[in-house]
Protein backbone atom coordinates (compact mmCIF):
# COMPACT_ATOMS: atom_id res chain seq x y z
CA MET A 1 20.58 -60.87 65.38
CA LYS A 2 24.05 -59.47 65.51
CA ARG A 3 24.79 -55.82 65.63
CA GLU A 4 26.61 -56.01 62.26
CA HIS A 5 23.50 -57.46 60.59
CA ILE A 6 21.29 -54.69 61.92
CA PHE A 7 23.80 -52.08 60.76
CA PHE A 8 24.01 -53.73 57.31
CA ILE A 9 20.20 -53.73 56.96
CA PHE A 10 20.06 -50.08 58.02
CA VAL A 11 22.76 -49.08 55.50
CA LEU A 12 21.01 -51.08 52.76
CA PHE A 13 17.66 -49.44 53.54
CA PHE A 14 19.24 -45.99 53.66
CA THR A 15 21.03 -46.55 50.33
CA PHE A 16 17.83 -47.80 48.70
CA SER A 17 15.93 -44.77 50.05
CA CYS A 18 18.59 -42.43 48.65
CA PHE A 19 18.36 -44.09 45.22
CA ILE A 20 14.58 -43.69 45.23
CA CYS A 21 14.86 -40.00 46.15
CA PHE A 22 17.57 -39.50 43.52
CA TYR A 23 15.36 -41.11 40.87
CA ARG A 24 12.35 -38.99 41.83
CA VAL A 25 14.41 -35.81 41.55
CA LEU A 26 15.89 -36.77 38.17
CA SER A 27 12.84 -38.45 36.60
CA PRO A 28 11.57 -35.30 34.81
CA PHE A 29 15.00 -34.93 33.17
CA LEU A 30 15.59 -38.52 32.05
CA GLU A 31 13.86 -38.23 28.68
CA PRO A 32 15.67 -35.03 27.62
CA ILE A 33 18.96 -36.55 28.78
CA LEU A 34 18.27 -39.63 26.68
CA TRP A 35 17.49 -37.49 23.59
CA ALA A 36 20.66 -35.45 24.19
CA ILE A 37 22.69 -38.68 24.27
CA VAL A 38 21.08 -39.84 21.02
CA ALA A 39 21.79 -36.48 19.37
CA ALA A 40 25.39 -36.48 20.59
CA ILE A 41 26.00 -39.99 19.29
CA THR A 42 24.38 -39.11 15.97
CA PHE A 43 26.17 -35.82 15.29
CA TYR A 44 29.59 -36.43 16.88
CA PRO A 45 31.18 -38.07 13.78
CA ALA A 46 30.16 -35.08 11.64
CA PHE A 47 31.55 -32.75 14.30
CA THR A 48 34.94 -34.48 14.30
CA ARG A 49 35.13 -34.40 10.49
CA LEU A 50 34.21 -30.72 10.47
CA GLN A 51 36.77 -30.02 13.17
CA GLU A 52 39.48 -31.67 11.05
CA ARG A 53 38.50 -29.56 8.02
CA LEU A 54 38.57 -26.37 10.07
CA LYS A 55 42.00 -27.27 11.52
CA LYS A 56 40.90 -27.86 15.15
CA LYS A 57 38.90 -24.64 15.52
CA THR A 58 36.38 -26.03 17.97
CA VAL A 59 34.39 -22.82 18.44
CA PHE A 60 33.50 -22.57 14.75
CA SER A 61 32.87 -26.30 14.52
CA ALA A 62 30.53 -26.20 17.52
CA LEU A 63 28.73 -23.13 16.18
CA PHE A 64 28.24 -24.72 12.76
CA MET A 65 27.08 -28.04 14.25
CA THR A 66 24.62 -26.26 16.53
CA ALA A 67 23.13 -24.45 13.55
CA LEU A 68 23.04 -27.74 11.62
CA VAL A 69 21.25 -29.55 14.45
CA VAL A 70 18.70 -26.74 14.66
CA LEU A 71 18.11 -26.92 10.92
CA VAL A 72 17.97 -30.72 10.76
CA ILE A 73 15.87 -31.40 13.87
CA PHE A 74 14.00 -28.37 15.14
CA VAL A 75 12.85 -26.74 11.92
CA PRO A 76 11.11 -29.88 10.53
CA LEU A 77 9.76 -30.69 13.98
CA SER A 78 8.27 -27.21 14.36
CA LEU A 79 6.74 -27.45 10.87
CA LEU A 80 5.23 -30.81 11.81
CA VAL A 81 3.79 -29.44 15.04
CA ALA A 82 2.33 -26.43 13.21
CA SER A 83 0.76 -28.73 10.62
CA LEU A 84 -0.73 -30.96 13.33
CA ALA A 85 -2.12 -27.92 15.14
CA HIS A 86 -3.71 -26.69 11.89
CA GLU A 87 -5.29 -30.13 11.32
CA ALA A 88 -6.57 -30.23 14.91
CA VAL A 89 -8.23 -26.82 14.53
CA GLY A 90 -9.80 -27.95 11.25
CA ALA A 91 -11.10 -31.13 12.87
CA TYR A 92 -12.52 -29.12 15.78
CA HIS A 93 -14.39 -26.80 13.42
CA SER A 94 -15.63 -29.74 11.35
CA VAL A 95 -16.98 -31.53 14.41
CA GLY A 96 -18.66 -28.35 15.62
CA GLU A 97 -20.23 -27.76 12.20
CA ASN A 98 -21.49 -31.36 12.02
CA ASP A 99 -22.97 -31.02 15.49
CA ARG A 100 -24.76 -27.80 14.51
CA ASN A 101 -26.07 -29.43 11.30
CA ARG A 102 -27.37 -32.39 13.31
CA ARG A 103 -29.15 -30.08 15.72
CA ILE A 104 -30.69 -28.09 12.88
CA ASN A 105 -31.83 -31.30 11.13
CA ALA A 106 -33.30 -32.62 14.38
CA TYR A 107 -35.13 -29.31 14.88
CA ILE A 108 -36.50 -29.41 11.31
CA GLU A 109 -37.66 -33.00 11.77
CA GLU A 110 -39.34 -32.06 15.04
CA MET A 111 -41.12 -29.14 13.38
CA ARG A 112 -42.26 -31.40 10.52
CA ALA A 113 -43.60 -33.89 13.01
CA ILE A 114 -45.47 -31.14 14.83
CA LEU A 115 -46.84 -29.63 11.61
CA TRP A 116 -47.92 -32.99 10.15
CA SER A 117 -49.59 -34.08 13.35
CA THR A 118 -51.94 -31.06 13.40
């Protein structure tokens, strides 16, 4: 094998290793980055229209759009999460109560069996 081939294979391996390390470092951030891209694409047309109405005052436009995004996305999402948490707590208590009722019924049946057998 020629020296150039060995060098090419080494460079290819090194590049591939760097890409793998780069992916492993960024992998926890890929989902939030994707959601940020979706939000930017969704709200950018409204931002440009608002900026035109406010005569290119970007600070006020950005402040208003940030408040709008919080109201449109985070408030309903937090209400949904709170509702799901409330339902989960209710389900937990219901399962615990059913389990206690089953144990009590099994105990009563066992006592009946003992009393009827004597």
